[in-house]
C-alpha atoms as a PDB file:
ATOM      1  CA  ASP A   1       8.873  -1.135   3.668  1.00  0.00           C
ATOM      2  CA  PHE A   2       5.043  -0.262   4.091  1.00  0.00           C
ATOM      3  CA  TYR A   3       4.816  -0.502   7.835  1.00  0.00           C
ATOM      4  CA  ASN A   4       8.307   1.537   8.404  1.00  0.00           C
ATOM      5  CA  HIS A   5       7.301   4.233   5.915  1.00  0.00           C
ATOM      6  CA  LEU A   6       4.005   4.507   7.202  1.00  0.00           C
ATOM      7  CA  GLU A   7       5.449   4.413  11.076  1.00  0.00           C
ATOM      8  CA  ASN A   8       7.719   7.510   9.687  1.00  0.00           C
ATOM      9  CA  ILE A   9       4.821   9.643   8.315  1.00  0.00           C
ATOM     10  CA  LEU A  10       1.847   9.209  10.635  1.00  0.00           C
ATOM     11  CA  PRO A  11       1.753  11.994  13.279  1.00  0.00           C
ATOM     12  CA  TYR A  12       2.644  11.024  16.738  1.00  0.00           C
ATOM     13  CA  GLY A  13       2.391  11.836  20.651  1.00  0.00           C
ATOM     14  CA  ASN A  14       2.747  10.858  24.025  1.00  0.00           C
ATOM     15  CA  GLU A  15      -0.654   9.470  24.438  1.00  0.00           C
ATOM     16  CA  ILE A  16      -1.805   6.512  21.792  1.00  0.00           C
ATOM     17  CA  LYS A  17      -5.268   7.614  21.286  1.00  0.00           C
ATOM     18  CA  TYR A  18      -5.850   5.244  18.078  1.00  0.00           C
ATOM     19  CA  ILE A  19      -4.778   2.009  17.017  1.00  0.00           C
ATOM     20  CA  LEU A  20      -4.252   1.218  13.267  1.00  0.00           C
ATOM     21  CA  THR A  21      -4.523  -2.312  11.984  1.00  0.00           C
ATOM     22  CA  SER A  22      -3.632  -2.759   8.243  1.00  0.00           C
ATOM     23  CA  ASN A  23      -2.448  -5.631   5.858  1.00  0.00           C
ATOM     24  CA  ILE A  24      -0.668  -5.273   2.840  1.00  0.00           C
ATOM     25  CA  ALA A  25      -0.683  -8.152  -0.257  1.00  0.00           C
ATOM     26  CA  PHE A  26       1.107  -8.346  -3.575  1.00  0.00           C
ATOM     27  CA  LEU A  27      -0.274 -10.343  -6.662  1.00  0.00           C
ATOM     28  CA  LYS A  28       1.928 -11.176  -9.682  1.00  0.00           C
ATOM     29  CA  ASP A  29       0.492 -11.806 -13.339  1.00  0.00           C
ATOM     30  CA  ILE A  30       2.254 -12.130 -16.312  1.00  0.00           C
ATOM     31  CA  SER A  31       0.953 -10.637 -19.715  1.00  0.00           C
ATOM     32  CA  ILE A  32       1.940 -11.481 -22.903  1.00  0.00           C
ATOM     33  CA  ILE A  33       2.803  -8.379 -24.942  1.00  0.00           C
ATOM     34  CA  GLN A  34       2.949 -10.046 -28.375  1.00  0.00           C
ATOM     35  CA  GLU A  35       1.270 -12.962 -29.881  1.00  0.00           C
ATOM     36  CA  ASN A  36       4.015 -15.513 -30.790  1.00  0.00           C
ATOM     37  CA  SER A  37       6.613 -13.736 -29.056  1.00  0.00           C
ATOM     38  CA  ASP A  38       8.898 -13.919 -25.610  1.00  0.00           C
ATOM     39  CA  ILE A  39       8.093 -10.509 -24.769  1.00  0.00           C
ATOM     40  CA  LEU A  40       6.426 -10.528 -21.251  1.00  0.00           C
ATOM     41  CA  ARG A  41       5.090  -7.663 -19.018  1.00  0.00           C
ATOM     42  CA  GLU A  42       5.098  -8.578 -15.248  1.00  0.00           C
ATOM     43  CA  ILE A  43       2.233  -6.997 -13.339  1.00  0.00           C
ATOM     44  CA  ILE A  44       2.588  -6.394  -9.636  1.00  0.00           C
ATOM     45  CA  THR A  45      -0.782  -5.429  -8.077  1.00  0.00           C
ATOM     46  CA  VAL A  46      -0.657  -4.365  -4.166  1.00  0.00           C
ATOM     47  CA  ARG A  47      -3.993  -4.636  -1.843  1.00  0.00           C
ATOM     48  CA  VAL A  48      -4.443  -2.773   1.102  1.00  0.00           C
ATOM     49  CA  THR A  49      -6.739  -2.797   3.899  1.00  0.00           C
ATOM     50  CA  TYR A  50      -6.958  -0.718   6.837  1.00  0.00           C
ATOM     51  CA  THR A  51      -8.991   0.044  10.161  1.00  0.00           C
ATOM     52  CA  LEU A  52      -8.441   2.799  12.687  1.00  0.00           C
ATOM     53  CA  THR A  53      -9.861   1.929  16.023  1.00  0.00           C
ATOM     54  CA  ASP A  54     -10.109   3.992  19.083  1.00  0.00           C
ATOM     55  CA  LYS A  55      -8.064   2.558  21.831  1.00  0.00           C
ATOM     56  CA  GLY A  56     -10.342   3.576  24.786  1.00  0.00           C
ATOM     57  CA  THR A  57     -13.529   2.713  23.205  1.00  0.00           C
ATOM     58  CA  GLY A  58     -12.561  -0.162  20.702  1.00  0.00           C
ATOM     59  CA  LYS A  59     -14.697   1.801  18.171  1.00  0.00           C
ATOM     60  CA  ILE A  60     -13.860   1.445  14.277  1.00  0.00           C
ATOM     61  CA  ILE A  61     -13.622   5.166  13.523  1.00  0.00           C
ATOM     62  CA  THR A  62     -12.574   4.652  10.049  1.00  0.00           C
ATOM     63  CA  SER A  63     -11.751   2.110   7.600  1.00  0.00           C
ATOM     64  CA  GLY A  64     -11.054   1.127   3.847  1.00  0.00           C
ATOM     65  CA  LYS A  65      -9.225  -0.837   1.229  1.00  0.00           C
ATOM     66  CA  PHE A  66      -7.667   0.060  -2.175  1.00  0.00           C
ATOM     67  CA  SER A  67      -5.025  -1.703  -4.662  1.00  0.00           C
ATOM     68  CA  ARG A  68      -2.819  -0.146  -6.766  1.00  0.00           C
ATOM     69  CA  LEU A  69      -0.606  -1.740  -9.490  1.00  0.00           C
ATOM     70  CA  SER A  70       2.304  -1.437 -11.779  1.00  0.00           C
ATOM     71  CA  SER A  71       4.382  -3.319 -14.428  1.00  0.00           C
ATOM     72  CA  PHE A  72       7.898  -3.947 -15.934  1.00  0.00           C
ATOM     73  CA  ASN A  73       9.337  -5.846 -18.982  1.00  0.00           C
ATOM     74  CA  THR A  74      10.545  -8.997 -18.091  1.00  0.00           C
ATOM     75  CA  THR A  75      14.415  -9.904 -19.476  1.00  0.00           C
ATOM     76  CA  PHE A  76      15.801 -13.482 -19.837  1.00  0.00           C
ATOM     77  CA  SER A  77      17.893 -12.600 -16.713  1.00  0.00           C
ATOM     78  CA  PRO A  78      15.801 -14.121 -13.522  1.00  0.00           C
ATOM     79  CA  TYR A  79      18.001 -11.490 -11.096  1.00  0.00           C
ATOM     80  CA  SER A  80      17.316  -8.680 -13.189  1.00  0.00           C
ATOM     81  CA  ASN A  81      13.597  -9.454 -13.035  1.00  0.00           C
ATOM     82  CA  LEU A  82      13.527 -10.130  -9.483  1.00  0.00           C
ATOM     83  CA  VAL A  83      15.432  -6.692  -8.539  1.00  0.00           C
ATOM     84  CA  LYS A  84      12.863  -4.973 -10.848  1.00  0.00           C
ATOM     85  CA  GLN A  85      10.279  -6.910  -8.869  1.00  0.00           C
ATOM     86  CA  GLN A  86      11.430  -5.968  -5.301  1.00  0.00           C
ATOM     87  CA  ASP A  87      11.775  -2.188  -6.450  1.00  0.00           C
ATOM     88  CA  ILE A  88       8.475  -2.295  -7.580  1.00  0.00           C
ATOM     89  CA  GLN A  89       6.970  -3.610  -4.617  1.00  0.00           C
ATOM     90  CA  ARG A  90       8.940  -1.382  -2.443  1.00  0.00           C
ATOM     91  CA  ASN A  91       7.638   1.692  -4.558  1.00  0.00           C
ATOM     92  CA  LEU A  92       4.253   0.328  -3.933  1.00  0.00           C
ATOM     93  CA  ALA A  93       4.563  -0.210  -0.412  1.00  0.00           C
ATOM     94  CA  MET A  94       5.509   3.368   0.088  1.00  0.00           C
ATOM     95  CA  MET A  95       3.091   4.581  -1.938  1.00  0.00           C
ATOM     96  CA  SER A  96       0.497   2.699  -0.333  1.00  0.00           C
ATOM     97  CA  ALA A  97       1.831   3.572   2.920  1.00  0.00           C
ATOM     98  CA  GLU A  98       0.806   7.397   1.996  1.00  0.00           C
ATOM     99  CA  GLU A  99      -2.463   6.737   0.770  1.00  0.00           C
ATOM    100  CA  VAL A 100      -3.352   5.335   3.715  1.00  0.00           C
ATOM    101  CA  ARG A 101      -1.974   8.391   5.528  1.00  0.00           C
ATOM    102  CA  ASN A 102      -3.817  10.503   3.287  1.00  0.00           C
ATOM    103  CA  ARG A 103      -7.113   9.063   3.811  1.00  0.00           C
ATOM    104  CA  ILE A 104      -6.794   9.077   7.640  1.00  0.00           C
ATOM    105  CA  MET A 105      -5.759  12.528   7.906  1.00  0.00           C
ATOM    106  CA  LEU A 106      -8.795  13.488   5.522  1.00  0.00           C
ATOM    107  CA  PHE A 107     -11.042  11.615   7.298  1.00  0.00           C
ATOM    108  CA  ILE A 108      -9.936  13.578  10.708  1.00  0.00           C
ATOM    109  CA  GLU A 109     -10.011  16.408   9.187  1.00  0.00           C
ATOM    110  CA  ASN A 110     -13.562  16.118   7.644  1.00  0.00           C
ATOM    111  CA  SER A 111     -14.655  14.860  11.127  1.00  0.00           C
ATOM    112  CA  ALA A 112     -13.323  18.112  12.719  1.00  0.00           C
ATOM    113  CA  ILE A 113     -15.043  20.315  10.491  1.00  0.00           C
ATOM    114  CA  THR A 114     -18.601  18.644  10.808  1.00  0.00           C
ATOM    115  CA  LYS A 115     -18.186  18.894  14.428  1.00  0.00           C
END
């Protein structure tokens, strides 16, 4: 979802000037909400790194990394937990794609202003 959404929201033209390299990783952790109980909360963290490179020179123009997290209450239904986890991962991936685009566009805009 990350790459598909990123491809749809980034501007494009006839000539490719830049190469965007990115990496996305999901981590899962479980927290106990209440002592001596079976109430659990699953925390999903996404970590993203990206690099924008000039295709002609090979020079790195900008790069960055960030992380986002979300969580949900677990149930005794493994299927329900899996569906919740996949929804959260999809949402985090799409939000991360938006963040990468926004950071790149802001960098390009700021670079144009300072020239």
